[in-house]
C-alpha atoms as a PDB file:
ATOM      1  CA  MET A   1      36.119 184.212 -69.628  1.00  0.00           C
ATOM      2  CA  GLY A   2      32.755 183.461 -71.115  1.00  0.00           C
ATOM      3  CA  LEU A   3      31.459 185.397 -74.091  1.00  0.00           C
ATOM      4  CA  SER A   4      28.761 187.025 -71.957  1.00  0.00           C
ATOM      5  CA  GLN A   5      31.461 188.329 -69.593  1.00  0.00           C
ATOM      6  CA  VAL A   6      33.532 189.682 -72.481  1.00  0.00           C
ATOM      7  CA  TYR A   7      30.491 191.356 -74.001  1.00  0.00           C
ATOM      8  CA  GLY A   8      29.465 192.821 -70.623  1.00  0.00           C
ATOM      9  CA  PHE A   9      32.973 194.131 -69.982  1.00  0.00           C
ATOM     10  CA  ALA A  10      33.175 195.723 -73.434  1.00  0.00           C
ATOM     11  CA  LYS A  11      29.748 197.396 -73.111  1.00  0.00           C
ATOM     12  CA  GLN A  12      30.409 198.556 -69.540  1.00  0.00           C
ATOM     13  CA  SER A  13      33.637 200.144 -70.799  1.00  0.00           C
ATOM     14  CA  GLY A  14      31.902 201.951 -73.661  1.00  0.00           C
ATOM     15  CA  GLY A  15      33.216 199.537 -76.273  1.00  0.00           C
ATOM     16  CA  GLU A  16      31.947 196.969 -78.719  1.00  0.00           C
ATOM     17  CA  VAL A  17      32.556 193.358 -79.698  1.00  0.00           C
ATOM     18  CA  GLY A  18      32.901 192.553 -83.402  1.00  0.00           C
ATOM     19  CA  VAL A  19      32.336 189.027 -84.731  1.00  0.00           C
ATOM     20  CA  ASP A  20      33.487 187.585 -88.058  1.00  0.00           C
ATOM     21  CA  SER A  21      32.502 183.989 -88.759  1.00  0.00           C
ATOM     22  CA  THR A  22      33.131 181.839 -91.805  1.00  0.00           C
ATOM     23  CA  PRO A  23      31.760 178.272 -91.884  1.00  0.00           C
ATOM     24  CA  GLY A  24      34.590 175.766 -91.938  1.00  0.00           C
ATOM     25  CA  GLU A  25      37.209 178.419 -91.155  1.00  0.00           C
ATOM     26  CA  GLY A  26      36.289 179.593 -87.663  1.00  0.00           C
ATOM     27  CA  THR A  27      35.240 182.698 -85.828  1.00  0.00           C
ATOM     28  CA  THR A  28      37.183 185.821 -84.875  1.00  0.00           C
ATOM     29  CA  PHE A  29      36.102 188.108 -82.066  1.00  0.00           C
ATOM     30  CA  LYS A  30      37.496 191.650 -81.878  1.00  0.00           C
ATOM     31  CA  ILE A  31      37.084 193.788 -78.801  1.00  0.00           C
ATOM     32  CA  TYR A  32      37.009 197.540 -79.357  1.00  0.00           C
ATOM     33  CA  LEU A  33      37.590 199.670 -76.283  1.00  0.00           C
ATOM     34  CA  PRO A  34      37.786 203.452 -76.051  1.00  0.00           C
ATOM     35  CA  ARG A  35      41.271 204.876 -75.733  1.00  0.00           C
ATOM     36  CA  VAL A  36      41.977 206.443 -72.360  1.00  0.00           C
ATOM     37  CA  PRO A  37      44.822 208.923 -71.956  1.00  0.00           C
ATOM     38  CA  ALA A  38      47.552 207.570 -69.668  1.00  0.00           C
ATOM     39  CA  ALA A  39      47.076 210.456 -67.214  1.00  0.00           C
ATOM     40  CA  VAL A  40      43.391 209.598 -66.780  1.00  0.00           C
ATOM     41  CA  ALA A  41      44.154 205.902 -66.232  1.00  0.00           C
ATOM     42  CA  GLU A  42      46.852 206.723 -63.662  1.00  0.00           C
ATOM     43  CA  ALA A  43      44.532 209.131 -61.835  1.00  0.00           C
ATOM     44  CA  ALA A  44      41.832 206.463 -61.633  1.00  0.00           C
ATOM     45  CA  LEU A  45      44.283 203.920 -60.223  1.00  0.00           C
ATOM     46  CA  GLU A  46      45.640 206.452 -57.718  1.00  0.00           C
ATOM     47  CA  SER A  47      42.094 207.302 -56.639  1.00  0.00           C
ATOM     48  CA  ALA A  48      41.357 203.622 -56.024  1.00  0.00           C
ATOM     49  CA  ALA A  49      44.611 203.329 -54.090  1.00  0.00           C
ATOM     50  CA  THR A  50      43.943 206.124 -51.567  1.00  0.00           C
ATOM     51  CA  ASP A  51      44.061 205.141 -47.908  1.00  0.00           C
ATOM     52  CA  GLU A  52      40.263 205.336 -47.692  1.00  0.00           C
ATOM     53  CA  ALA A  53      39.854 202.955 -50.635  1.00  0.00           C
ATOM     54  CA  ARG A  54      42.821 200.679 -49.900  1.00  0.00           C
ATOM     55  CA  GLY A  55      42.191 197.207 -48.654  1.00  0.00           C
ATOM     56  CA  HIS A  56      43.648 195.701 -45.527  1.00  0.00           C
ATOM     57  CA  GLY A  57      44.029 192.020 -44.743  1.00  0.00           C
ATOM     58  CA  HIS A  58      44.903 188.768 -46.471  1.00  0.00           C
ATOM     59  CA  VAL A  59      42.415 187.524 -49.077  1.00  0.00           C
ATOM     60  CA  LEU A  60      42.279 183.946 -50.333  1.00  0.00           C
ATOM     61  CA  VAL A  61      41.338 184.123 -54.030  1.00  0.00           C
ATOM     62  CA  VAL A  62      39.715 180.945 -55.395  1.00  0.00           C
ATOM     63  CA  GLU A  63      39.602 180.864 -59.190  1.00  0.00           C
ATOM     64  CA  ASP A  64      39.998 177.889 -61.529  1.00  0.00           C
ATOM     65  CA  ASN A  65      41.056 180.018 -64.517  1.00  0.00           C
ATOM     66  CA  GLU A  66      44.759 180.736 -64.014  1.00  0.00           C
ATOM     67  CA  GLN A  67      44.757 184.002 -65.962  1.00  0.00           C
ATOM     68  CA  VAL A  68      41.733 185.347 -64.105  1.00  0.00           C
ATOM     69  CA  GLY A  69      43.289 184.193 -60.808  1.00  0.00           C
ATOM     70  CA  GLN A  70      46.538 186.015 -61.575  1.00  0.00           C
ATOM     71  CA  PHE A  71      44.641 189.136 -62.637  1.00  0.00           C
ATOM     72  CA  SER A  72      42.471 189.097 -59.498  1.00  0.00           C
ATOM     73  CA  THR A  73      45.392 188.609 -57.121  1.00  0.00           C
ATOM     74  CA  GLN A  74      47.428 191.347 -58.824  1.00  0.00           C
ATOM     75  CA  LEU A  75      44.481 193.735 -58.707  1.00  0.00           C
ATOM     76  CA  LEU A  76      43.919 193.047 -55.008  1.00  0.00           C
ATOM     77  CA  ILE A  77      47.635 193.555 -54.284  1.00  0.00           C
ATOM     78  CA  GLU A  78      47.501 196.929 -56.049  1.00  0.00           C
ATOM     79  CA  LEU A  79      44.496 197.796 -53.872  1.00  0.00           C
ATOM     80  CA  GLY A  80      46.468 197.053 -50.700  1.00  0.00           C
ATOM     81  CA  PHE A  81      45.414 193.504 -49.860  1.00  0.00           C
ATOM     82  CA  GLU A  82      47.747 190.573 -49.324  1.00  0.00           C
ATOM     83  CA  THR A  83      46.659 187.603 -51.444  1.00  0.00           C
ATOM     84  CA  THR A  84      47.001 183.883 -51.896  1.00  0.00           C
ATOM     85  CA  TRP A  85      45.558 182.148 -54.966  1.00  0.00           C
ATOM     86  CA  ALA A  86      43.959 178.702 -54.907  1.00  0.00           C
ATOM     87  CA  PRO A  87      43.036 177.039 -58.242  1.00  0.00           C
ATOM     88  CA  ASN A  88      40.001 175.204 -56.838  1.00  0.00           C
ATOM     89  CA  ALA A  89      37.841 174.741 -53.762  1.00  0.00           C
ATOM     90  CA  GLU A  90      39.745 171.703 -52.485  1.00  0.00           C
ATOM     91  CA  ALA A  91      43.050 173.599 -52.565  1.00  0.00           C
ATOM     92  CA  ALA A  92      41.378 176.533 -50.810  1.00  0.00           C
ATOM     93  CA  LEU A  93      40.135 174.293 -47.997  1.00  0.00           C
ATOM     94  CA  ARG A  94      43.629 172.821 -47.582  1.00  0.00           C
ATOM     95  CA  LEU A  95      45.113 176.332 -47.309  1.00  0.00           C
ATOM     96  CA  LEU A  96      42.475 177.379 -44.782  1.00  0.00           C
ATOM     97  CA  GLU A  97      43.202 174.274 -42.710  1.00  0.00           C
ATOM     98  CA  LYS A  98      46.968 174.709 -42.966  1.00  0.00           C
ATOM     99  CA  HIS A  99      46.876 178.412 -42.026  1.00  0.00           C
ATOM    100  CA  PRO A 100      43.919 178.964 -39.677  1.00  0.00           C
ATOM    101  CA  GLY A 101      43.374 182.619 -38.846  1.00  0.00           C
ATOM    102  CA  ARG A 102      45.593 183.841 -41.704  1.00  0.00           C
ATOM    103  CA  TYR A 103      42.842 185.031 -44.034  1.00  0.00           C
ATOM    104  CA  ALA A 104      40.589 188.025 -43.537  1.00  0.00           C
ATOM    105  CA  ALA A 105      38.235 186.933 -46.343  1.00  0.00           C
ATOM    106  CA  VAL A 106      37.739 184.460 -49.189  1.00  0.00           C
ATOM    107  CA  PHE A 107      36.983 185.773 -52.694  1.00  0.00           C
ATOM    108  CA  SER A 108      35.726 182.904 -54.852  1.00  0.00           C
ATOM    109  CA  ASP A 109      34.402 182.320 -58.323  1.00  0.00           C
ATOM    110  CA  VAL A 110      31.089 180.468 -58.310  1.00  0.00           C
ATOM    111  CA  VAL A 111      31.448 178.278 -61.404  1.00  0.00           C
ATOM    112  CA  MET A 112      34.358 175.861 -60.948  1.00  0.00           C
ATOM    113  CA  PRO A 113      34.827 172.161 -61.660  1.00  0.00           C
ATOM    114  CA  GLY A 114      34.310 169.926 -58.653  1.00  0.00           C
ATOM    115  CA  MET A 115      33.054 171.870 -55.674  1.00  0.00           C
ATOM    116  CA  ASN A 116      31.564 175.188 -56.824  1.00  0.00           C
ATOM    117  CA  GLY A 117      31.882 178.505 -55.003  1.00  0.00           C
ATOM    118  CA  VAL A 118      28.537 178.260 -53.230  1.00  0.00           C
ATOM    119  CA  GLU A 119      29.414 174.789 -51.923  1.00  0.00           C
ATOM    120  CA  LEU A 120      32.843 176.080 -50.875  1.00  0.00           C
ATOM    121  CA  GLY A 121      31.230 179.003 -49.071  1.00  0.00           C
ATOM    122  CA  LYS A 122      28.889 176.658 -47.195  1.00  0.00           C
ATOM    123  CA  GLU A 123      31.819 174.465 -46.155  1.00  0.00           C
ATOM    124  CA  ILE A 124      33.822 177.474 -44.987  1.00  0.00           C
ATOM    125  CA  ARG A 125      30.782 178.728 -43.084  1.00  0.00           C
ATOM    126  CA  ARG A 126      30.516 175.303 -41.391  1.00  0.00           C
ATOM    127  CA  ARG A 127      34.217 175.162 -40.459  1.00  0.00           C
ATOM    128  CA  MET A 128      34.937 178.862 -39.860  1.00  0.00           C
ATOM    129  CA  PRO A 129      31.645 180.699 -39.343  1.00  0.00           C
ATOM    130  CA  ASP A 130      33.315 184.103 -38.871  1.00  0.00           C
ATOM    131  CA  LEU A 131      35.351 184.043 -42.108  1.00  0.00           C
ATOM    132  CA  PRO A 132      33.681 186.251 -44.745  1.00  0.00           C
ATOM    133  CA  VAL A 133      33.102 184.721 -48.185  1.00  0.00           C
ATOM    134  CA  VAL A 134      32.527 186.930 -51.225  1.00  0.00           C
ATOM    135  CA  LEU A 135      31.379 185.212 -54.409  1.00  0.00           C
ATOM    136  CA  THR A 136      31.738 186.397 -57.989  1.00  0.00           C
ATOM    137  CA  SER A 137      30.140 185.111 -61.171  1.00  0.00           C
ATOM    138  CA  GLY A 138      29.261 186.124 -64.664  1.00  0.00           C
ATOM    139  CA  TYR A 139      26.736 183.308 -64.907  1.00  0.00           C
ATOM    140  CA  SER A 140      23.494 184.479 -63.357  1.00  0.00           C
ATOM    141  CA  HIS A 141      21.717 181.189 -64.189  1.00  0.00           C
ATOM    142  CA  VAL A 142      23.801 179.314 -61.599  1.00  0.00           C
ATOM    143  CA  LEU A 143      22.829 181.722 -58.864  1.00  0.00           C
ATOM    144  CA  ALA A 144      19.239 181.864 -60.112  1.00  0.00           C
ATOM    145  CA  GLN A 145      19.041 178.106 -59.581  1.00  0.00           C
ATOM    146  CA  GLU A 146      20.984 177.935 -56.320  1.00  0.00           C
ATOM    147  CA  GLY A 147      20.825 181.464 -54.919  1.00  0.00           C
ATOM    148  CA  SER A 148      23.762 183.132 -53.168  1.00  0.00           C
ATOM    149  CA  HIS A 149      22.895 181.520 -49.797  1.00  0.00           C
ATOM    150  CA  GLY A 150      23.523 184.768 -47.953  1.00  0.00           C
ATOM    151  CA  PHE A 151      27.014 185.331 -49.336  1.00  0.00           C
ATOM    152  CA  GLU A 152      28.006 188.720 -50.721  1.00  0.00           C
ATOM    153  CA  LEU A 153      27.965 188.535 -54.530  1.00  0.00           C
ATOM    154  CA  LEU A 154      29.763 190.560 -57.191  1.00  0.00           C
ATOM    155  CA  HIS A 155      28.571 190.109 -60.758  1.00  0.00           C
ATOM    156  CA  LYS A 156      31.284 189.955 -63.425  1.00  0.00           C
ATOM    157  CA  PRO A 157      32.412 192.251 -64.780  1.00  0.00           C
ATOM    158  CA  TYR A 158      32.660 194.313 -61.605  1.00  0.00           C
ATOM    159  CA  ALA A 159      34.183 197.720 -60.968  1.00  0.00           C
ATOM    160  CA  ILE A 160      37.369 197.994 -58.918  1.00  0.00           C
ATOM    161  CA  GLU A 161      35.557 200.267 -56.479  1.00  0.00           C
ATOM    162  CA  ASP A 162      32.837 197.643 -55.932  1.00  0.00           C
ATOM    163  CA  LEU A 163      35.401 194.904 -55.286  1.00  0.00           C
ATOM    164  CA  THR A 164      37.245 197.039 -52.745  1.00  0.00           C
ATOM    165  CA  ARG A 165      34.041 198.200 -51.050  1.00  0.00           C
ATOM    166  CA  VAL A 166      32.610 194.687 -50.715  1.00  0.00           C
ATOM    167  CA  LEU A 167      35.820 193.119 -49.402  1.00  0.00           C
ATOM    168  CA  ARG A 168      36.477 195.953 -46.953  1.00  0.00           C
ATOM    169  CA  SER A 169      32.895 195.770 -45.709  1.00  0.00           C
ATOM    170  CA  ALA A 170      33.093 191.984 -45.240  1.00  0.00           C
ATOM    171  CA  ILE A 171      36.398 192.256 -43.366  1.00  0.00           C
ATOM    172  CA  ARG A 172      35.094 195.137 -41.202  1.00  0.00           C
ATOM    173  CA  GLN A 173      31.966 193.164 -40.266  1.00  0.00           C
ATOM    174  CA  ARG A 174      34.145 190.238 -39.204  1.00  0.00           C
ATOM    175  CA  ALA A 175      36.248 192.498 -36.983  1.00  0.00           C
ATOM    176  CA  ALA A 176      33.183 194.061 -35.330  1.00  0.00           C
END
């Protein structure tokens, strides 16, 4: 994650980021988040997991950061989606070619080495025009330069409810 994403996540959560830096010794970042009682956290997760909020369909997650990819796929599974993770755009295209019709949507990071998410989305649109592509990024400068090219975009950090709503909407529009 980039520092701007960490800072945005902390602030969105009602927390702070502390920085201690000593020349020649390094920098330490501490993230302070408000404590949430377990019952409140469980209730929030249950609310997101209701039938109305649950996802349906198989989502191809494209994320070059392994930890973020694992987190995203686990989150989507908990929300009711089936998932497959691809570490880059090239791997995603191979999976789409190998399993045509398997995926209900593609959820891709924008900033990746090699082919970026916007380029991947354009290629998917060329090959499979009906397959929804949802992009996510914490780097607004990339999208300011290139634009989202008509793809749905979630800015990092995003709320679980927004992720579910956007993916469900994209999948519903495909089915219509």
